[in-house]
Amino acid sequence: MTPSFHLRALSIMGFLVLGTAAHAQAPNAARLEKARTELQKRFDAADTNKDGKLTREEAQAKMPKVYKNFDAIDASHAGAISLADIETFVASKKGARKSAG
């Protein structure tokens, strides 16, 4: 077999591997976007005064898991949390799980 054949075979294998990885990420990206949309809907429903933040009471009424972790999510101790605060908390928990596993 010629060197050019090996080079073409490696190129084709690389293309297949990259294509498979991109394809595998698409469902994860769609799932992530669906979860993000659902979180946004739940946050909006809980944010009764529509100020873009949740107080402890708003979280308690509509988002019990957020309420349970309110102090950890409210890292700045502002007494209210944003959607970005919740996402940061969730991402840190997922990162901790991946490191432990």
PDB file of N, CA and C in Angstrom:
ATOM      1  N   MET A   1       0.840  -1.180   0.000  1.00  0.00           N
ATOM      2  CA  MET A   1       0.000   0.000   0.000  1.00  0.00           C
ATOM      3  C   MET A   1       0.879   1.235   0.000  1.00  0.00           C
ATOM      4  N   THR A   2       0.440   2.219  -0.723  1.00  0.00           N
ATOM      5  CA  THR A   2       1.235   3.422  -0.878  1.00  0.00           C
ATOM      6  C   THR A   2       1.002   4.383   0.277  1.00  0.00           C
ATOM      7  N   PRO A   3       1.960   5.292   0.539  1.00  0.00           N
ATOM      8  CA  PRO A   3       1.780   6.281   1.602  1.00  0.00           C
ATOM      9  C   PRO A   3       0.547   7.156   1.379  1.00  0.00           C
ATOM     10  N   SER A   4       0.236   7.447   0.125  1.00  0.00           N
ATOM     11  CA  SER A   4      -0.938   8.284  -0.125  1.00  0.00           C
ATOM     12  C   SER A   4      -2.227   7.551   0.256  1.00  0.00           C
ATOM     13  N   PHE A   5      -2.246   6.216   0.078  1.00  0.00           N
ATOM     14  CA  PHE A   5      -3.412   5.443   0.502  1.00  0.00           C
ATOM     15  C   PHE A   5      -3.605   5.562   2.014  1.00  0.00           C
ATOM     16  N   HIS A   6      -2.525   5.425   2.779  1.00  0.00           N
ATOM     17  CA  HIS A   6      -2.609   5.542   4.234  1.00  0.00           C
ATOM     18  C   HIS A   6      -3.077   6.937   4.658  1.00  0.00           C
ATOM     19  N   LEU A   7      -2.590   7.933   3.984  1.00  0.00           N
ATOM     20  CA  LEU A   7      -2.989   9.302   4.292  1.00  0.00           C
ATOM     21  C   LEU A   7      -4.483   9.504   4.031  1.00  0.00           C
ATOM     22  N   ARG A   8      -4.958   8.977   2.906  1.00  0.00           N
ATOM     23  CA  ARG A   8      -6.396   9.084   2.603  1.00  0.00           C
ATOM     24  C   ARG A   8      -7.216   8.305   3.622  1.00  0.00           C
ATOM     25  N   ALA A   9      -6.754   7.118   4.010  1.00  0.00           N
ATOM     26  CA  ALA A   9      -7.481   6.306   4.990  1.00  0.00           C
ATOM     27  C   ALA A   9      -7.562   7.029   6.328  1.00  0.00           C
ATOM     28  N   LEU A  10      -6.464   7.658   6.759  1.00  0.00           N
ATOM     29  CA  LEU A  10      -6.477   8.415   8.003  1.00  0.00           C
ATOM     30  C   LEU A  10      -7.428   9.608   7.909  1.00  0.00           C
ATOM     31  N   SER A  11      -7.432  10.261   6.778  1.00  0.00           N
ATOM     32  CA  SER A  11      -8.331  11.403   6.594  1.00  0.00           C
ATOM     33  C   SER A  11      -9.790  10.972   6.680  1.00  0.00           C
ATOM     34  N   ILE A  12     -10.098   9.863   6.035  1.00  0.00           N
ATOM     35  CA  ILE A  12     -11.478   9.354   6.064  1.00  0.00           C
ATOM     36  C   ILE A  12     -11.857   8.935   7.482  1.00  0.00           C
ATOM     37  N   MET A  13     -10.935   8.252   8.184  1.00  0.00           N
ATOM     38  CA  MET A  13     -11.228   7.854   9.562  1.00  0.00           C
ATOM     39  C   MET A  13     -11.437   9.076  10.449  1.00  0.00           C
ATOM     40  N   GLY A  14     -10.609  10.099  10.280  1.00  0.00           N
ATOM     41  CA  GLY A  14     -10.766  11.324  11.060  1.00  0.00           C
ATOM     42  C   GLY A  14     -12.107  11.981  10.798  1.00  0.00           C
ATOM     43  N   PHE A  15     -12.507  12.015   9.537  1.00  0.00           N
ATOM     44  CA  PHE A  15     -13.796  12.586   9.178  1.00  0.00           C
ATOM     45  C   PHE A  15     -14.939  11.820   9.833  1.00  0.00           C
ATOM     46  N   LEU A  16     -14.852  10.489   9.802  1.00  0.00           N
ATOM     47  CA  LEU A  16     -15.896   9.668  10.405  1.00  0.00           C
ATOM     48  C   LEU A  16     -15.963   9.864  11.914  1.00  0.00           C
ATOM     49  N   VAL A  17     -14.810   9.931  12.559  1.00  0.00           N
ATOM     50  CA  VAL A  17     -14.790  10.117  14.011  1.00  0.00           C
ATOM     51  C   VAL A  17     -15.365  11.484  14.370  1.00  0.00           C
ATOM     52  N   LEU A  18     -14.925  12.524  13.687  1.00  0.00           N
ATOM     53  CA  LEU A  18     -15.442  13.867  13.965  1.00  0.00           C
ATOM     54  C   LEU A  18     -16.925  13.955  13.659  1.00  0.00           C
ATOM     55  N   GLY A  19     -17.342  13.356  12.578  1.00  0.00           N
ATOM     56  CA  GLY A  19     -18.759  13.366  12.232  1.00  0.00           C
ATOM     57  C   GLY A  19     -19.598  12.652  13.268  1.00  0.00           C
ATOM     58  N   THR A  20     -19.101  11.537  13.783  1.00  0.00           N
ATOM     59  CA  THR A  20     -19.820  10.783  14.810  1.00  0.00           C
ATOM     60  C   THR A  20     -19.885  11.587  16.103  1.00  0.00           C
ATOM     61  N   ALA A  21     -18.799  12.241  16.483  1.00  0.00           N
ATOM     62  CA  ALA A  21     -18.788  13.037  17.708  1.00  0.00           C
ATOM     63  C   ALA A  21     -19.764  14.200  17.595  1.00  0.00           C
ATOM     64  N   ALA A  22     -19.788  14.857  16.450  1.00  0.00           N
ATOM     65  CA  ALA A  22     -20.714  15.975  16.259  1.00  0.00           C
ATOM     66  C   ALA A  22     -22.153  15.485  16.309  1.00  0.00           C
ATOM     67  N   HIS A  23     -22.389  14.324  15.714  1.00  0.00           N
ATOM     68  CA  HIS A  23     -23.742  13.766  15.718  1.00  0.00           C
ATOM     69  C   HIS A  23     -24.171  13.400  17.138  1.00  0.00           C
ATOM     70  N   ALA A  24     -23.255  12.855  17.928  1.00  0.00           N
ATOM     71  CA  ALA A  24     -23.581  12.463  19.300  1.00  0.00           C
ATOM     72  C   ALA A  24     -23.860  13.681  20.166  1.00  0.00           C
ATOM     73  N   GLN A  25     -23.234  14.813  19.863  1.00  0.00           N
ATOM     74  CA  GLN A  25     -23.443  16.024  20.650  1.00  0.00           C
ATOM     75  C   GLN A  25     -24.772  16.690  20.334  1.00  0.00           C
ATOM     76  N   ALA A  26     -25.309  16.491  19.158  1.00  0.00           N
ATOM     77  CA  ALA A  26     -26.554  17.151  18.767  1.00  0.00           C
ATOM     78  C   ALA A  26     -27.710  16.821  19.698  1.00  0.00           C
ATOM     79  N   PRO A  27     -27.954  15.542  20.034  1.00  0.00           N
ATOM     80  CA  PRO A  27     -29.041  15.258  20.976  1.00  0.00           C
ATOM     81  C   PRO A  27     -28.785  15.871  22.345  1.00  0.00           C
ATOM     82  N   ASN A  28     -27.531  15.871  22.807  1.00  0.00           N
ATOM     83  CA  ASN A  28     -27.214  16.477  24.092  1.00  0.00           C
ATOM     84  C   ASN A  28     -27.482  17.971  24.058  1.00  0.00           C
ATOM     85  N   ALA A  29     -27.136  18.628  22.984  1.00  0.00           N
ATOM     86  CA  ALA A  29     -27.383  20.061  22.855  1.00  0.00           C
ATOM     87  C   ALA A  29     -28.882  20.336  22.841  1.00  0.00           C
ATOM     88  N   ALA A  30     -29.637  19.502  22.153  1.00  0.00           N
ATOM     89  CA  ALA A  30     -31.089  19.676  22.106  1.00  0.00           C
ATOM     90  C   ALA A  30     -31.689  19.449  23.487  1.00  0.00           C
ATOM     91  N   ARG A  31     -31.200  18.448  24.187  1.00  0.00           N
ATOM     92  CA  ARG A  31     -31.685  18.161  25.539  1.00  0.00           C
ATOM     93  C   ARG A  31     -31.348  19.310  26.486  1.00  0.00           C
ATOM     94  N   LEU A  32     -30.144  19.841  26.363  1.00  0.00           N
ATOM     95  CA  LEU A  32     -29.719  20.963  27.189  1.00  0.00           C
ATOM     96  C   LEU A  32     -30.584  22.191  26.925  1.00  0.00           C
ATOM     97  N   GLU A  33     -30.865  22.464  25.673  1.00  0.00           N
ATOM     98  CA  GLU A  33     -31.695  23.611  25.324  1.00  0.00           C
ATOM     99  C   GLU A  33     -33.124  23.429  25.836  1.00  0.00           C
ATOM    100  N   LYS A  34     -33.637  22.214  25.768  1.00  0.00           N
ATOM    101  CA  LYS A  34     -34.979  21.943  26.284  1.00  0.00           C
ATOM    102  C   LYS A  34     -35.025  22.167  27.794  1.00  0.00           C
ATOM    103  N   ALA A  35     -33.998  21.698  28.501  1.00  0.00           N
ATOM    104  CA  ALA A  35     -33.929  21.900  29.953  1.00  0.00           C
ATOM    105  C   ALA A  35     -33.816  23.379  30.292  1.00  0.00           C
ATOM    106  N   ARG A  36     -33.036  24.098  29.513  1.00  0.00           N
ATOM    107  CA  ARG A  36     -32.872  25.550  29.726  1.00  0.00           C
ATOM    108  C   ARG A  36     -34.198  26.271  29.524  1.00  0.00           C
ATOM    109  N   THR A  37     -34.936  25.901  28.497  1.00  0.00           N
ATOM    110  CA  THR A  37     -36.246  26.512  28.216  1.00  0.00           C
ATOM    111  C   THR A  37     -37.223  26.210  29.343  1.00  0.00           C
ATOM    112  N   GLU A  38     -37.218  24.976  29.824  1.00  0.00           N
ATOM    113  CA  GLU A  38     -38.105  24.598  30.930  1.00  0.00           C
ATOM    114  C   GLU A  38     -37.749  25.366  32.199  1.00  0.00           C
ATOM    115  N   LEU A  39     -36.461  25.496  32.477  1.00  0.00           N
ATOM    116  CA  LEU A  39     -36.027  26.258  33.649  1.00  0.00           C
ATOM    117  C   LEU A  39     -36.474  27.712  33.534  1.00  0.00           C
ATOM    118  N   GLN A  40     -36.347  28.281  32.354  1.00  0.00           N
ATOM    119  CA  GLN A  40     -36.772  29.671  32.136  1.00  0.00           C
ATOM    120  C   GLN A  40     -38.272  29.820  32.395  1.00  0.00           C
ATOM    121  N   LYS A  41     -39.066  28.883  31.908  1.00  0.00           N
ATOM    122  CA  LYS A  41     -40.520  28.931  32.134  1.00  0.00           C
ATOM    123  C   LYS A  41     -40.851  28.861  33.618  1.00  0.00           C
ATOM    124  N   ARG A  42     -40.211  27.937  34.318  1.00  0.00           N
ATOM    125  CA  ARG A  42     -40.470  27.777  35.751  1.00  0.00           C
ATOM    126  C   ARG A  42     -40.008  29.004  36.527  1.00  0.00           C
ATOM    127  N   PHE A  43     -38.871  29.566  36.136  1.00  0.00           N
ATOM    128  CA  PHE A  43     -38.364  30.772  36.789  1.00  0.00           C
ATOM    129  C   PHE A  43     -39.346  31.925  36.584  1.00  0.00           C
ATOM    130  N   ASP A  44     -39.789  32.107  35.344  1.00  0.00           N
ATOM    131  CA  ASP A  44     -40.738  33.186  35.039  1.00  0.00           C
ATOM    132  C   ASP A  44     -42.033  33.035  35.829  1.00  0.00           C
ATOM    133  N   ALA A  45     -42.514  31.799  35.985  1.00  0.00           N
ATOM    134  CA  ALA A  45     -43.738  31.565  36.751  1.00  0.00           C
ATOM    135  C   ALA A  45     -43.526  31.869  38.232  1.00  0.00           C
ATOM    136  N   ALA A  46     -42.351  31.582  38.745  1.00  0.00           N
ATOM    137  CA  ALA A  46     -42.064  31.823  40.162  1.00  0.00           C
ATOM    138  C   ALA A  46     -41.808  33.301  40.450  1.00  0.00           C
ATOM    139  N   ASP A  47     -41.312  34.023  39.467  1.00  0.00           N
ATOM    140  CA  ASP A  47     -40.973  35.442  39.634  1.00  0.00           C
ATOM    141  C   ASP A  47     -42.253  36.274  39.575  1.00  0.00           C
ATOM    142  N   THR A  48     -42.989  36.275  40.660  1.00  0.00           N
ATOM    143  CA  THR A  48     -44.330  36.879  40.668  1.00  0.00           C
ATOM    144  C   THR A  48     -44.321  38.385  40.463  1.00  0.00           C
ATOM    145  N   ASN A  49     -43.266  39.072  40.903  1.00  0.00           N
ATOM    146  CA  ASN A  49     -43.234  40.526  40.699  1.00  0.00           C
ATOM    147  C   ASN A  49     -42.493  40.926  39.427  1.00  0.00           C
ATOM    148  N   LYS A  50     -42.048  39.934  38.668  1.00  0.00           N
ATOM    149  CA  LYS A  50     -41.423  40.116  37.346  1.00  0.00           C
ATOM    150  C   LYS A  50     -40.217  41.065  37.372  1.00  0.00           C
ATOM    151  N   ASP A  51     -39.395  40.933  38.426  1.00  0.00           N
ATOM    152  CA  ASP A  51     -38.195  41.773  38.510  1.00  0.00           C
ATOM    153  C   ASP A  51     -36.934  41.050  38.039  1.00  0.00           C
ATOM    154  N   GLY A  52     -37.088  39.816  37.568  1.00  0.00           N
ATOM    155  CA  GLY A  52     -35.945  39.064  37.065  1.00  0.00           C
ATOM    156  C   GLY A  52     -35.140  38.379  38.148  1.00  0.00           C
ATOM    157  N   LYS A  53     -35.657  38.388  39.366  1.00  0.00           N
ATOM    158  CA  LYS A  53     -34.982  37.741  40.491  1.00  0.00           C
ATOM    159  C   LYS A  53     -36.014  36.985  41.315  1.00  0.00           C
ATOM    160  N   LEU A  54     -35.540  35.961  42.010  1.00  0.00           N
ATOM    161  CA  LEU A  54     -36.409  35.227  42.918  1.00  0.00           C
ATOM    162  C   LEU A  54     -35.993  35.506  44.350  1.00  0.00           C
ATOM    163  N   THR A  55     -36.958  35.847  45.166  1.00  0.00           N
ATOM    164  CA  THR A  55     -36.718  35.910  46.600  1.00  0.00           C
ATOM    165  C   THR A  55     -36.859  34.504  47.154  1.00  0.00           C
ATOM    166  N   ARG A  56     -36.483  34.336  48.388  1.00  0.00           N
ATOM    167  CA  ARG A  56     -36.632  33.033  49.041  1.00  0.00           C
ATOM    168  C   ARG A  56     -38.099  32.598  49.007  1.00  0.00           C
ATOM    169  N   GLU A  57     -39.013  33.534  49.237  1.00  0.00           N
ATOM    170  CA  GLU A  57     -40.439  33.218  49.265  1.00  0.00           C
ATOM    171  C   GLU A  57     -40.953  32.817  47.884  1.00  0.00           C
ATOM    172  N   GLU A  58     -40.514  33.509  46.847  1.00  0.00           N
ATOM    173  CA  GLU A  58     -40.930  33.143  45.488  1.00  0.00           C
ATOM    174  C   GLU A  58     -40.428  31.745  45.141  1.00  0.00           C
ATOM    175  N   ALA A  59     -39.193  31.455  45.511  1.00  0.00           N
ATOM    176  CA  ALA A  59     -38.635  30.128  45.248  1.00  0.00           C
ATOM    177  C   ALA A  59     -39.400  29.060  46.018  1.00  0.00           C
ATOM    178  N   GLN A  60     -39.735  29.346  47.266  1.00  0.00           N
ATOM    179  CA  GLN A  60     -40.451  28.379  48.095  1.00  0.00           C
ATOM    180  C   GLN A  60     -41.806  28.037  47.491  1.00  0.00           C
ATOM    181  N   ALA A  61     -42.470  29.026  46.933  1.00  0.00           N
ATOM    182  CA  ALA A  61     -43.814  28.818  46.396  1.00  0.00           C
ATOM    183  C   ALA A  61     -43.827  28.006  45.107  1.00  0.00           C
ATOM    184  N   LYS A  62     -42.837  28.184  44.242  1.00  0.00           N
ATOM    185  CA  LYS A  62     -42.914  27.570  42.908  1.00  0.00           C
ATOM    186  C   LYS A  62     -41.720  26.695  42.514  1.00  0.00           C
ATOM    187  N   MET A  63     -40.600  26.825  43.206  1.00  0.00           N
ATOM    188  CA  MET A  63     -39.396  26.067  42.830  1.00  0.00           C
ATOM    189  C   MET A  63     -38.753  25.467  44.081  1.00  0.00           C
ATOM    190  N   PRO A  64     -39.327  24.379  44.590  1.00  0.00           N
ATOM    191  CA  PRO A  64     -38.856  23.825  45.862  1.00  0.00           C
ATOM    192  C   PRO A  64     -37.382  23.409  45.887  1.00  0.00           C
ATOM    193  N   LYS A  65     -36.862  22.902  44.795  1.00  0.00           N
ATOM    194  CA  LYS A  65     -35.440  22.508  44.775  1.00  0.00           C
ATOM    195  C   LYS A  65     -34.545  23.739  44.840  1.00  0.00           C
ATOM    196  N   VAL A  66     -34.963  24.793  44.188  1.00  0.00           N
ATOM    197  CA  VAL A  66     -34.217  26.047  44.262  1.00  0.00           C
ATOM    198  C   VAL A  66     -34.298  26.589  45.691  1.00  0.00           C
ATOM    199  N   TYR A  67     -35.481  26.528  46.270  1.00  0.00           N
ATOM    200  CA  TYR A  67     -35.663  26.984  47.649  1.00  0.00           C
ATOM    201  C   TYR A  67     -34.757  26.200  48.601  1.00  0.00           C
ATOM    202  N   LYS A  68     -34.705  24.895  48.425  1.00  0.00           N
ATOM    203  CA  LYS A  68     -33.892  24.036  49.289  1.00  0.00           C
ATOM    204  C   LYS A  68     -32.412  24.430  49.230  1.00  0.00           C
ATOM    205  N   ASN A  69     -31.957  24.880  48.071  1.00  0.00           N
ATOM    206  CA  ASN A  69     -30.550  25.240  47.871  1.00  0.00           C
ATOM    207  C   ASN A  69     -30.333  26.753  47.785  1.00  0.00           C
ATOM    208  N   PHE A  70     -31.304  27.515  48.236  1.00  0.00           N
ATOM    209  CA  PHE A  70     -31.281  28.963  48.050  1.00  0.00           C
ATOM    210  C   PHE A  70     -29.990  29.604  48.560  1.00  0.00           C
ATOM    211  N   ASP A  71     -29.564  29.250  49.768  1.00  0.00           N
ATOM    212  CA  ASP A  71     -28.365  29.867  50.334  1.00  0.00           C
ATOM    213  C   ASP A  71     -27.119  29.561  49.507  1.00  0.00           C
ATOM    214  N   ALA A  72     -27.015  28.355  48.994  1.00  0.00           N
ATOM    215  CA  ALA A  72     -25.868  27.990  48.154  1.00  0.00           C
ATOM    216  C   ALA A  72     -25.931  28.707  46.805  1.00  0.00           C
ATOM    217  N   ILE A  73     -27.119  28.876  46.266  1.00  0.00           N
ATOM    218  CA  ILE A  73     -27.278  29.562  44.975  1.00  0.00           C
ATOM    219  C   ILE A  73     -26.994  31.052  45.143  1.00  0.00           C
ATOM    220  N   ASP A  74     -27.434  31.628  46.256  1.00  0.00           N
ATOM    221  CA  ASP A  74     -27.254  33.057  46.533  1.00  0.00           C
ATOM    222  C   ASP A  74     -25.846  33.304  47.087  1.00  0.00           C
ATOM    223  N   ALA A  75     -24.847  33.042  46.254  1.00  0.00           N
ATOM    224  CA  ALA A  75     -23.455  33.144  46.676  1.00  0.00           C
ATOM    225  C   ALA A  75     -23.081  34.550  47.131  1.00  0.00           C
ATOM    226  N   SER A  76     -23.724  35.563  46.592  1.00  0.00           N
ATOM    227  CA  SER A  76     -23.405  36.944  46.972  1.00  0.00           C
ATOM    228  C   SER A  76     -24.216  37.413  48.181  1.00  0.00           C
ATOM    229  N   HIS A  77     -25.089  36.566  48.689  1.00  0.00           N
ATOM    230  CA  HIS A  77     -25.936  36.866  49.855  1.00  0.00           C
ATOM    231  C   HIS A  77     -26.769  38.133  49.639  1.00  0.00           C
ATOM    232  N   ALA A  78     -27.314  38.248  48.440  1.00  0.00           N
ATOM    233  CA  ALA A  78     -28.118  39.415  48.079  1.00  0.00           C
ATOM    234  C   ALA A  78     -29.567  39.278  48.533  1.00  0.00           C
ATOM    235  N   GLY A  79     -29.981  38.079  48.870  1.00  0.00           N
ATOM    236  CA  GLY A  79     -31.363  37.856  49.275  1.00  0.00           C
ATOM    237  C   GLY A  79     -32.292  37.569  48.112  1.00  0.00           C
ATOM    238  N   ALA A  80     -31.753  37.584  46.914  1.00  0.00           N
ATOM    239  CA  ALA A  80     -32.516  37.263  45.702  1.00  0.00           C
ATOM    240  C   ALA A  80     -31.544  36.632  44.709  1.00  0.00           C
ATOM    241  N   ILE A  81     -32.072  35.760  43.861  1.00  0.00           N
ATOM    242  CA  ILE A  81     -31.229  35.061  42.892  1.00  0.00           C
ATOM    243  C   ILE A  81     -31.787  35.223  41.487  1.00  0.00           C
ATOM    244  N   SER A  82     -30.874  35.214  40.539  1.00  0.00           N
ATOM    245  CA  SER A  82     -31.262  35.324  39.132  1.00  0.00           C
ATOM    246  C   SER A  82     -31.227  33.946  38.485  1.00  0.00           C
ATOM    247  N   LEU A  83     -31.738  33.880  37.279  1.00  0.00           N
ATOM    248  CA  LEU A  83     -31.665  32.638  36.510  1.00  0.00           C
ATOM    249  C   LEU A  83     -30.200  32.257  36.294  1.00  0.00           C
ATOM    250  N   ALA A  84     -29.349  33.236  36.040  1.00  0.00           N
ATOM    251  CA  ALA A  84     -27.917  32.970  35.850  1.00  0.00           C
ATOM    252  C   ALA A  84     -27.301  32.367  37.115  1.00  0.00           C
ATOM    253  N   ASP A  85     -27.735  32.832  38.296  1.00  0.00           N
ATOM    254  CA  ASP A  85     -27.241  32.263  39.551  1.00  0.00           C
ATOM    255  C   ASP A  85     -27.605  30.782  39.646  1.00  0.00           C
ATOM    256  N   ILE A  86     -28.832  30.460  39.270  1.00  0.00           N
ATOM    257  CA  ILE A  86     -29.284  29.060  39.316  1.00  0.00           C
ATOM    258  C   ILE A  86     -28.468  28.218  38.338  1.00  0.00           C
ATOM    259  N   GLU A  87     -28.271  28.727  37.137  1.00  0.00           N
ATOM    260  CA  GLU A  87     -27.507  27.987  36.132  1.00  0.00           C
ATOM    261  C   GLU A  87     -26.064  27.772  36.580  1.00  0.00           C
ATOM    262  N   THR A  88     -25.462  28.784  37.208  1.00  0.00           N
ATOM    263  CA  THR A  88     -24.099  28.654  37.715  1.00  0.00           C
ATOM    264  C   THR A  88     -24.034  27.575  38.788  1.00  0.00           C
ATOM    265  N   PHE A  89     -25.006  27.554  39.672  1.00  0.00           N
ATOM    266  CA  PHE A  89     -25.070  26.548  40.731  1.00  0.00           C
ATOM    267  C   PHE A  89     -25.194  25.150  40.132  1.00  0.00           C
ATOM    268  N   VAL A  90     -26.098  24.985  39.191  1.00  0.00           N
ATOM    269  CA  VAL A  90     -26.303  23.676  38.560  1.00  0.00           C
ATOM    270  C   VAL A  90     -25.030  23.225  37.849  1.00  0.00           C
ATOM    271  N   ALA A  91     -24.388  24.126  37.123  1.00  0.00           N
ATOM    272  CA  ALA A  91     -23.161  23.780  36.408  1.00  0.00           C
ATOM    273  C   ALA A  91     -22.059  23.380  37.390  1.00  0.00           C
ATOM    274  N   SER A  92     -21.968  24.056  38.523  1.00  0.00           N
ATOM    275  CA  SER A  92     -20.935  23.707  39.503  1.00  0.00           C
ATOM    276  C   SER A  92     -21.207  22.328  40.104  1.00  0.00           C
ATOM    277  N   LYS A  93     -22.462  21.994  40.302  1.00  0.00           N
ATOM    278  CA  LYS A  93     -22.811  20.673  40.829  1.00  0.00           C
ATOM    279  C   LYS A  93     -22.488  19.588  39.812  1.00  0.00           C
ATOM    280  N   LYS A  94     -22.784  19.846  38.545  1.00  0.00           N
ATOM    281  CA  LYS A  94     -22.468  18.855  37.502  1.00  0.00           C
ATOM    282  C   LYS A  94     -20.975  18.682  37.376  1.00  0.00           C
ATOM    283  N   GLY A  95     -20.234  19.778  37.466  1.00  0.00           N
ATOM    284  CA  GLY A  95     -18.780  19.709  37.398  1.00  0.00           C
ATOM    285  C   GLY A  95     -18.202  18.916  38.552  1.00  0.00           C
ATOM    286  N   ALA A  96     -18.761  19.099  39.742  1.00  0.00           N
ATOM    287  CA  ALA A  96     -18.303  18.365  40.918  1.00  0.00           C
ATOM    288  C   ALA A  96     -18.583  16.874  40.768  1.00  0.00           C
ATOM    289  N   ARG A  97     -19.740  16.530  40.189  1.00  0.00           N
ATOM    290  CA  ARG A  97     -20.074  15.115  39.975  1.00  0.00           C
ATOM    291  C   ARG A  97     -19.133  14.469  38.975  1.00  0.00           C
ATOM    292  N   LYS A  98     -18.782  15.204  37.906  1.00  0.00           N
ATOM    293  CA  LYS A  98     -17.880  14.647  36.904  1.00  0.00           C
ATOM    294  C   LYS A  98     -16.478  14.437  37.484  1.00  0.00           C
ATOM    295  N   SER A  99     -16.045  15.377  38.350  1.00  0.00           N
ATOM    296  CA  SER A  99     -14.727  15.243  38.971  1.00  0.00           C
ATOM    297  C   SER A  99     -14.666  14.070  39.931  1.00  0.00           C
ATOM    298  N   ALA A 100     -15.772  13.827  40.620  1.00  0.00           N
ATOM    299  CA  ALA A 100     -15.811  12.732  41.592  1.00  0.00           C
ATOM    300  C   ALA A 100     -15.923  11.373  40.913  1.00  0.00           C
ATOM    301  N   GLY A 101     -16.507  11.353  39.710  1.00  0.00           N
ATOM    302  CA  GLY A 101     -16.777  10.088  39.021  1.00  0.00           C
ATOM    303  C   GLY A 101     -15.672   9.618  38.228  1.00  0.00           C
TER     304      GLY A 101
END
